[in-house]
Amino acid sequence: MKRTTIYLDPELEMHLKLEARRQKKPMAEVIREALRKSLPPRPRSKYAGAFDSGHTDGAERFEEILGELGFGDEANS
């Protein structure tokens, strides 16, 4: 998690403290939950999943694939 600072007016701070106590949670968790509920979902890249090599064995063939692309041991010979 990344730490950040926010500024609250005294009335909002008191409201937050009371709500955190009511929920028996840290104020930071109440803030995170409120942000998750109020922010729109993060858009996915329009390219996510758009490219399919047709191969399902890339992890097993990584040395062969790197060689085909010129990054393997054969390319350094």
PDB file of N, CA and C in Angstrom:
ATOM      1  N   MET A   1       0.828  -1.184   0.000  1.00  0.00           N
ATOM      2  CA  MET A   1       0.000   0.000   0.000  1.00  0.00           C
ATOM      3  C   MET A   1       0.866   1.240   0.000  1.00  0.00           C
ATOM      4  N   LYS A   2       0.354   2.280  -0.581  1.00  0.00           N
ATOM      5  CA  LYS A   2       1.065   3.551  -0.627  1.00  0.00           C
ATOM      6  C   LYS A   2       0.432   4.500   0.380  1.00  0.00           C
ATOM      7  N   ARG A   3       1.263   5.188   1.097  1.00  0.00           N
ATOM      8  CA  ARG A   3       0.782   6.141   2.087  1.00  0.00           C
ATOM      9  C   ARG A   3       0.509   7.478   1.411  1.00  0.00           C
ATOM     10  N   THR A   4      -0.565   8.144   1.828  1.00  0.00           N
ATOM     11  CA  THR A   4      -0.898   9.451   1.286  1.00  0.00           C
ATOM     12  C   THR A   4      -1.468  10.325   2.390  1.00  0.00           C
ATOM     13  N   THR A   5      -1.576  11.600   2.129  1.00  0.00           N
ATOM     14  CA  THR A   5      -2.121  12.543   3.103  1.00  0.00           C
ATOM     15  C   THR A   5      -3.354  13.201   2.514  1.00  0.00           C
ATOM     16  N   ILE A   6      -4.397  13.316   3.320  1.00  0.00           N
ATOM     17  CA  ILE A   6      -5.585  14.051   2.900  1.00  0.00           C
ATOM     18  C   ILE A   6      -5.890  15.090   3.965  1.00  0.00           C
ATOM     19  N   TYR A   7      -6.541  16.146   3.552  1.00  0.00           N
ATOM     20  CA  TYR A   7      -6.923  17.210   4.474  1.00  0.00           C
ATOM     21  C   TYR A   7      -8.440  17.194   4.627  1.00  0.00           C
ATOM     22  N   LEU A   8      -8.902  17.171   5.870  1.00  0.00           N
ATOM     23  CA  LEU A   8     -10.330  17.136   6.156  1.00  0.00           C
ATOM     24  C   LEU A   8     -10.703  18.342   7.003  1.00  0.00           C
ATOM     25  N   ASP A   9     -11.890  18.873   6.753  1.00  0.00           N
ATOM     26  CA  ASP A   9     -12.351  19.915   7.655  1.00  0.00           C
ATOM     27  C   ASP A   9     -12.725  19.228   8.980  1.00  0.00           C
ATOM     28  N   PRO A  10     -12.722  19.959  10.090  1.00  0.00           N
ATOM     29  CA  PRO A  10     -12.939  19.344  11.406  1.00  0.00           C
ATOM     30  C   PRO A  10     -14.239  18.544  11.519  1.00  0.00           C
ATOM     31  N   GLU A  11     -15.301  19.031  10.903  1.00  0.00           N
ATOM     32  CA  GLU A  11     -16.584  18.322  10.981  1.00  0.00           C
ATOM     33  C   GLU A  11     -16.508  16.972  10.280  1.00  0.00           C
ATOM     34  N   LEU A  12     -15.894  16.937   9.095  1.00  0.00           N
ATOM     35  CA  LEU A  12     -15.752  15.685   8.352  1.00  0.00           C
ATOM     36  C   LEU A  12     -14.835  14.718   9.094  1.00  0.00           C
ATOM     37  N   GLU A  13     -13.780  15.236   9.693  1.00  0.00           N
ATOM     38  CA  GLU A  13     -12.870  14.384  10.464  1.00  0.00           C
ATOM     39  C   GLU A  13     -13.609  13.723  11.628  1.00  0.00           C
ATOM     40  N   MET A  14     -14.437  14.496  12.334  1.00  0.00           N
ATOM     41  CA  MET A  14     -15.204  13.945  13.456  1.00  0.00           C
ATOM     42  C   MET A  14     -16.166  12.877  12.960  1.00  0.00           C
ATOM     43  N   HIS A  15     -16.821  13.155  11.844  1.00  0.00           N
ATOM     44  CA  HIS A  15     -17.748  12.172  11.259  1.00  0.00           C
ATOM     45  C   HIS A  15     -17.001  10.881  10.918  1.00  0.00           C
ATOM     46  N   LEU A  16     -15.834  11.008  10.325  1.00  0.00           N
ATOM     47  CA  LEU A  16     -15.011   9.846   9.967  1.00  0.00           C
ATOM     48  C   LEU A  16     -14.594   9.066  11.208  1.00  0.00           C
ATOM     49  N   LYS A  17     -14.153   9.759  12.236  1.00  0.00           N
ATOM     50  CA  LYS A  17     -13.740   9.086  13.474  1.00  0.00           C
ATOM     51  C   LYS A  17     -14.897   8.319  14.092  1.00  0.00           C
ATOM     52  N   LEU A  18     -16.066   8.944  14.132  1.00  0.00           N
ATOM     53  CA  LEU A  18     -17.238   8.272  14.705  1.00  0.00           C
ATOM     54  C   LEU A  18     -17.626   7.045  13.888  1.00  0.00           C
ATOM     55  N   GLU A  19     -17.576   7.172  12.567  1.00  0.00           N
ATOM     56  CA  GLU A  19     -17.930   6.033  11.706  1.00  0.00           C
ATOM     57  C   GLU A  19     -16.916   4.904  11.854  1.00  0.00           C
ATOM     58  N   ALA A  20     -15.647   5.244  11.937  1.00  0.00           N
ATOM     59  CA  ALA A  20     -14.612   4.224  12.128  1.00  0.00           C
ATOM     60  C   ALA A  20     -14.815   3.503  13.457  1.00  0.00           C
ATOM     61  N   ARG A  21     -15.135   4.247  14.474  1.00  0.00           N
ATOM     62  CA  ARG A  21     -15.379   3.627  15.787  1.00  0.00           C
ATOM     63  C   ARG A  21     -16.616   2.744  15.729  1.00  0.00           C
ATOM     64  N   ARG A  22     -17.676   3.227  15.054  1.00  0.00           N
ATOM     65  CA  ARG A  22     -18.909   2.437  14.945  1.00  0.00           C
ATOM     66  C   ARG A  22     -18.650   1.121  14.230  1.00  0.00           C
ATOM     67  N   GLN A  23     -17.842   1.167  13.158  1.00  0.00           N
ATOM     68  CA  GLN A  23     -17.539  -0.041  12.382  1.00  0.00           C
ATOM     69  C   GLN A  23     -16.407  -0.867  12.991  1.00  0.00           C
ATOM     70  N   LYS A  24     -15.761  -0.309  14.015  1.00  0.00           N
ATOM     71  CA  LYS A  24     -14.610  -0.974  14.649  1.00  0.00           C
ATOM     72  C   LYS A  24     -13.520  -1.258  13.621  1.00  0.00           C
ATOM     73  N   LYS A  25     -13.222  -0.221  12.832  1.00  0.00           N
ATOM     74  CA  LYS A  25     -12.196  -0.311  11.794  1.00  0.00           C
ATOM     75  C   LYS A  25     -11.316   0.925  11.890  1.00  0.00           C
ATOM     76  N   PRO A  26     -10.085   0.835  11.397  1.00  0.00           N
ATOM     77  CA  PRO A  26      -9.244   2.037  11.316  1.00  0.00           C
ATOM     78  C   PRO A  26      -9.851   3.053  10.337  1.00  0.00           C
ATOM     79  N   MET A  27      -9.581   4.326  10.582  1.00  0.00           N
ATOM     80  CA  MET A  27     -10.096   5.368   9.684  1.00  0.00           C
ATOM     81  C   MET A  27      -9.623   5.129   8.255  1.00  0.00           C
ATOM     82  N   ALA A  28      -8.387   4.689   8.086  1.00  0.00           N
ATOM     83  CA  ALA A  28      -7.855   4.467   6.739  1.00  0.00           C
ATOM     84  C   ALA A  28      -8.684   3.431   5.982  1.00  0.00           C
ATOM     85  N   GLU A  29      -9.131   2.392   6.673  1.00  0.00           N
ATOM     86  CA  GLU A  29      -9.933   1.358   6.010  1.00  0.00           C
ATOM     87  C   GLU A  29     -11.293   1.910   5.609  1.00  0.00           C
ATOM     88  N   VAL A  30     -11.899   2.728   6.459  1.00  0.00           N
ATOM     89  CA  VAL A  30     -13.187   3.347   6.128  1.00  0.00           C
ATOM     90  C   VAL A  30     -13.023   4.228   4.887  1.00  0.00           C
ATOM     91  N   ILE A  31     -11.934   4.969   4.813  1.00  0.00           N
ATOM     92  CA  ILE A  31     -11.672   5.823   3.654  1.00  0.00           C
ATOM     93  C   ILE A  31     -11.480   4.975   2.398  1.00  0.00           C
ATOM     94  N   ARG A  32     -10.679   3.902   2.487  1.00  0.00           N
ATOM     95  CA  ARG A  32     -10.446   3.042   1.314  1.00  0.00           C
ATOM     96  C   ARG A  32     -11.756   2.450   0.807  1.00  0.00           C
ATOM     97  N   GLU A  33     -12.589   1.974   1.722  1.00  0.00           N
ATOM     98  CA  GLU A  33     -13.871   1.387   1.315  1.00  0.00           C
ATOM     99  C   GLU A  33     -14.761   2.431   0.645  1.00  0.00           C
ATOM    100  N   ALA A  34     -14.784   3.641   1.191  1.00  0.00           N
ATOM    101  CA  ALA A  34     -15.596   4.707   0.591  1.00  0.00           C
ATOM    102  C   ALA A  34     -15.094   5.050  -0.806  1.00  0.00           C
ATOM    103  N   LEU A  35     -13.781   5.093  -0.977  1.00  0.00           N
ATOM    104  CA  LEU A  35     -13.224   5.393  -2.296  1.00  0.00           C
ATOM    105  C   LEU A  35     -13.553   4.290  -3.293  1.00  0.00           C
ATOM    106  N   ARG A  36     -13.427   3.040  -2.870  1.00  0.00           N
ATOM    107  CA  ARG A  36     -13.743   1.917  -3.776  1.00  0.00           C
ATOM    108  C   ARG A  36     -15.193   1.991  -4.247  1.00  0.00           C
ATOM    109  N   LYS A  37     -16.100   2.371  -3.326  1.00  0.00           N
ATOM    110  CA  LYS A  37     -17.526   2.440  -3.672  1.00  0.00           C
ATOM    111  C   LYS A  37     -17.837   3.631  -4.563  1.00  0.00           C
ATOM    112  N   SER A  38     -17.113   4.731  -4.394  1.00  0.00           N
ATOM    113  CA  SER A  38     -17.491   5.957  -5.100  1.00  0.00           C
ATOM    114  C   SER A  38     -16.777   6.151  -6.432  1.00  0.00           C
ATOM    115  N   LEU A  39     -15.609   5.547  -6.622  1.00  0.00           N
ATOM    116  CA  LEU A  39     -14.875   5.735  -7.871  1.00  0.00           C
ATOM    117  C   LEU A  39     -15.371   4.758  -8.931  1.00  0.00           C
ATOM    118  N   PRO A  40     -15.400   5.194 -10.197  1.00  0.00           N
ATOM    119  CA  PRO A  40     -15.807   4.261 -11.255  1.00  0.00           C
ATOM    120  C   PRO A  40     -14.746   3.187 -11.428  1.00  0.00           C
ATOM    121  N   PRO A  41     -15.136   2.016 -11.933  1.00  0.00           N
ATOM    122  CA  PRO A  41     -14.142   0.965 -12.146  1.00  0.00           C
ATOM    123  C   PRO A  41     -13.069   1.425 -13.126  1.00  0.00           C
ATOM    124  N   ARG A  42     -11.865   0.933 -12.915  1.00  0.00           N
ATOM    125  CA  ARG A  42     -10.750   1.273 -13.787  1.00  0.00           C
ATOM    126  C   ARG A  42     -10.957   0.630 -15.147  1.00  0.00           C
ATOM    127  N   PRO A  43     -10.882   1.392 -16.230  1.00  0.00           N
ATOM    128  CA  PRO A  43     -11.107   0.800 -17.552  1.00  0.00           C
ATOM    129  C   PRO A  43      -9.985  -0.166 -17.931  1.00  0.00           C
ATOM    130  N   ARG A  44     -10.361  -1.256 -18.534  1.00  0.00           N
ATOM    131  CA  ARG A  44      -9.371  -2.206 -19.055  1.00  0.00           C
ATOM    132  C   ARG A  44      -8.873  -1.697 -20.392  1.00  0.00           C
ATOM    133  N   SER A  45      -7.682  -2.070 -20.706  1.00  0.00           N
ATOM    134  CA  SER A  45      -7.133  -1.708 -22.008  1.00  0.00           C
ATOM    135  C   SER A  45      -7.976  -2.365 -23.091  1.00  0.00           C
ATOM    136  N   LYS A  46      -8.227  -1.624 -24.163  1.00  0.00           N
ATOM    137  CA  LYS A  46      -8.999  -2.220 -25.258  1.00  0.00           C
ATOM    138  C   LYS A  46      -8.224  -3.337 -25.934  1.00  0.00           C
ATOM    139  N   TYR A  47      -6.917  -3.439 -25.641  1.00  0.00           N
ATOM    140  CA  TYR A  47      -6.086  -4.480 -26.241  1.00  0.00           C
ATOM    141  C   TYR A  47      -5.942  -5.719 -25.359  1.00  0.00           C
ATOM    142  N   ALA A  48      -6.453  -5.668 -24.132  1.00  0.00           N
ATOM    143  CA  ALA A  48      -6.324  -6.815 -23.241  1.00  0.00           C
ATOM    144  C   ALA A  48      -7.031  -8.022 -23.858  1.00  0.00           C
ATOM    145  N   GLY A  49      -6.294  -9.067 -24.072  1.00  0.00           N
ATOM    146  CA  GLY A  49      -6.852 -10.287 -24.643  1.00  0.00           C
ATOM    147  C   GLY A  49      -7.102 -10.219 -26.138  1.00  0.00           C
ATOM    148  N   ALA A  50      -6.678  -9.145 -26.783  1.00  0.00           N
ATOM    149  CA  ALA A  50      -6.960  -8.979 -28.206  1.00  0.00           C
ATOM    150  C   ALA A  50      -6.041  -9.814 -29.089  1.00  0.00           C
ATOM    151  N   PHE A  51      -4.904 -10.203 -28.577  1.00  0.00           N
ATOM    152  CA  PHE A  51      -3.929 -10.926 -29.383  1.00  0.00           C
ATOM    153  C   PHE A  51      -3.794 -12.350 -28.864  1.00  0.00           C
ATOM    154  N   ASP A  52      -3.906 -13.292 -29.747  1.00  0.00           N
ATOM    155  CA  ASP A  52      -3.813 -14.694 -29.369  1.00  0.00           C
ATOM    156  C   ASP A  52      -2.870 -15.390 -30.343  1.00  0.00           C
ATOM    157  N   SER A  53      -1.774 -15.890 -29.811  1.00  0.00           N
ATOM    158  CA  SER A  53      -0.796 -16.548 -30.667  1.00  0.00           C
ATOM    159  C   SER A  53      -1.270 -17.918 -31.121  1.00  0.00           C
ATOM    160  N   GLY A  54      -2.253 -18.436 -30.429  1.00  0.00           N
ATOM    161  CA  GLY A  54      -2.710 -19.786 -30.733  1.00  0.00           C
ATOM    162  C   GLY A  54      -1.910 -20.842 -29.998  1.00  0.00           C
ATOM    163  N   HIS A  55      -0.846 -20.421 -29.308  1.00  0.00           N
ATOM    164  CA  HIS A  55      -0.013 -21.352 -28.552  1.00  0.00           C
ATOM    165  C   HIS A  55      -0.375 -21.285 -27.075  1.00  0.00           C
ATOM    166  N   THR A  56      -0.399 -22.437 -26.445  1.00  0.00           N
ATOM    167  CA  THR A  56      -0.664 -22.474 -25.002  1.00  0.00           C
ATOM    168  C   THR A  56       0.555 -22.977 -24.235  1.00  0.00           C
ATOM    169  N   ASP A  57       1.665 -23.172 -24.935  1.00  0.00           N
ATOM    170  CA  ASP A  57       2.853 -23.749 -24.308  1.00  0.00           C
ATOM    171  C   ASP A  57       4.027 -22.772 -24.298  1.00  0.00           C
ATOM    172  N   GLY A  58       3.746 -21.467 -24.248  1.00  0.00           N
ATOM    173  CA  GLY A  58       4.798 -20.458 -24.301  1.00  0.00           C
ATOM    174  C   GLY A  58       5.801 -20.575 -23.174  1.00  0.00           C
ATOM    175  N   ALA A  59       5.337 -20.897 -21.982  1.00  0.00           N
ATOM    176  CA  ALA A  59       6.254 -21.014 -20.848  1.00  0.00           C
ATOM    177  C   ALA A  59       7.237 -22.167 -21.053  1.00  0.00           C
ATOM    178  N   GLU A  60       6.759 -23.257 -21.614  1.00  0.00           N
ATOM    179  CA  GLU A  60       7.623 -24.404 -21.841  1.00  0.00           C
ATOM    180  C   GLU A  60       8.576 -24.172 -23.018  1.00  0.00           C
ATOM    181  N   ARG A  61       8.169 -23.317 -23.978  1.00  0.00           N
ATOM    182  CA  ARG A  61       8.943 -23.094 -25.197  1.00  0.00           C
ATOM    183  C   ARG A  61       9.714 -21.785 -25.191  1.00  0.00           C
ATOM    184  N   PHE A  62       9.857 -21.147 -24.011  1.00  0.00           N
ATOM    185  CA  PHE A  62      10.413 -19.791 -24.010  1.00  0.00           C
ATOM    186  C   PHE A  62      11.792 -19.708 -24.651  1.00  0.00           C
ATOM    187  N   GLU A  63      12.658 -20.705 -24.454  1.00  0.00           N
ATOM    188  CA  GLU A  63      13.992 -20.649 -25.065  1.00  0.00           C
ATOM    189  C   GLU A  63      13.891 -20.720 -26.587  1.00  0.00           C
ATOM    190  N   GLU A  64      13.042 -21.579 -27.068  1.00  0.00           N
ATOM    191  CA  GLU A  64      12.837 -21.694 -28.517  1.00  0.00           C
ATOM    192  C   GLU A  64      12.284 -20.393 -29.089  1.00  0.00           C
ATOM    193  N   ILE A  65      11.316 -19.812 -28.407  1.00  0.00           N
ATOM    194  CA  ILE A  65      10.694 -18.569 -28.872  1.00  0.00           C
ATOM    195  C   ILE A  65      11.710 -17.432 -28.876  1.00  0.00           C
ATOM    196  N   LEU A  66      12.497 -17.325 -27.809  1.00  0.00           N
ATOM    197  CA  LEU A  66      13.525 -16.279 -27.757  1.00  0.00           C
ATOM    198  C   LEU A  66      14.539 -16.457 -28.875  1.00  0.00           C
ATOM    199  N   GLY A  67      14.889 -17.713 -29.166  1.00  0.00           N
ATOM    200  CA  GLY A  67      15.815 -17.982 -30.265  1.00  0.00           C
ATOM    201  C   GLY A  67      15.244 -17.540 -31.597  1.00  0.00           C
ATOM    202  N   GLU A  68      13.954 -17.799 -31.823  1.00  0.00           N
ATOM    203  CA  GLU A  68      13.299 -17.378 -33.055  1.00  0.00           C
ATOM    204  C   GLU A  68      13.290 -15.850 -33.197  1.00  0.00           C
ATOM    205  N   LEU A  69      13.246 -15.169 -32.078  1.00  0.00           N
ATOM    206  CA  LEU A  69      13.223 -13.699 -32.098  1.00  0.00           C
ATOM    207  C   LEU A  69      14.615 -13.086 -32.107  1.00  0.00           C
ATOM    208  N   GLY A  70      15.648 -13.933 -32.038  1.00  0.00           N
ATOM    209  CA  GLY A  70      17.016 -13.433 -32.074  1.00  0.00           C
ATOM    210  C   GLY A  70      17.602 -13.146 -30.706  1.00  0.00           C
ATOM    211  N   PHE A  71      16.974 -13.635 -29.646  1.00  0.00           N
ATOM    212  CA  PHE A  71      17.470 -13.387 -28.302  1.00  0.00           C
ATOM    213  C   PHE A  71      18.046 -14.645 -27.642  1.00  0.00           C
ATOM    214  N   GLY A  72      18.043 -15.746 -28.324  1.00  0.00           N
ATOM    215  CA  GLY A  72      18.510 -16.988 -27.733  1.00  0.00           C
ATOM    216  C   GLY A  72      20.016 -17.161 -27.810  1.00  0.00           C
ATOM    217  N   ASP A  73      20.510 -18.274 -27.276  1.00  0.00           N
ATOM    218  CA  ASP A  73      21.936 -18.562 -27.299  1.00  0.00           C
ATOM    219  C   ASP A  73      22.460 -18.666 -28.724  1.00  0.00           C
ATOM    220  N   GLU A  74      21.608 -19.166 -29.643  1.00  0.00           N
ATOM    221  CA  GLU A  74      22.052 -19.335 -31.025  1.00  0.00           C
ATOM    222  C   GLU A  74      22.407 -17.983 -31.644  1.00  0.00           C
ATOM    223  N   ALA A  75      21.711 -16.911 -31.235  1.00  0.00           N
ATOM    224  CA  ALA A  75      21.949 -15.590 -31.803  1.00  0.00           C
ATOM    225  C   ALA A  75      23.285 -15.027 -31.360  1.00  0.00           C
ATOM    226  N   ASN A  76      23.799 -15.479 -30.214  1.00  0.00           N
ATOM    227  CA  ASN A  76      25.071 -14.980 -29.688  1.00  0.00           C
ATOM    228  C   ASN A  76      26.263 -15.772 -30.211  1.00  0.00           C
ATOM    229  N   SER A  77      26.042 -16.816 -30.996  1.00  0.00           N
ATOM    230  CA  SER A  77      27.127 -17.666 -31.492  1.00  0.00           C
ATOM    231  C   SER A  77      27.823 -17.046 -32.661  1.00  0.00           C
TER     232      SER A  77
END
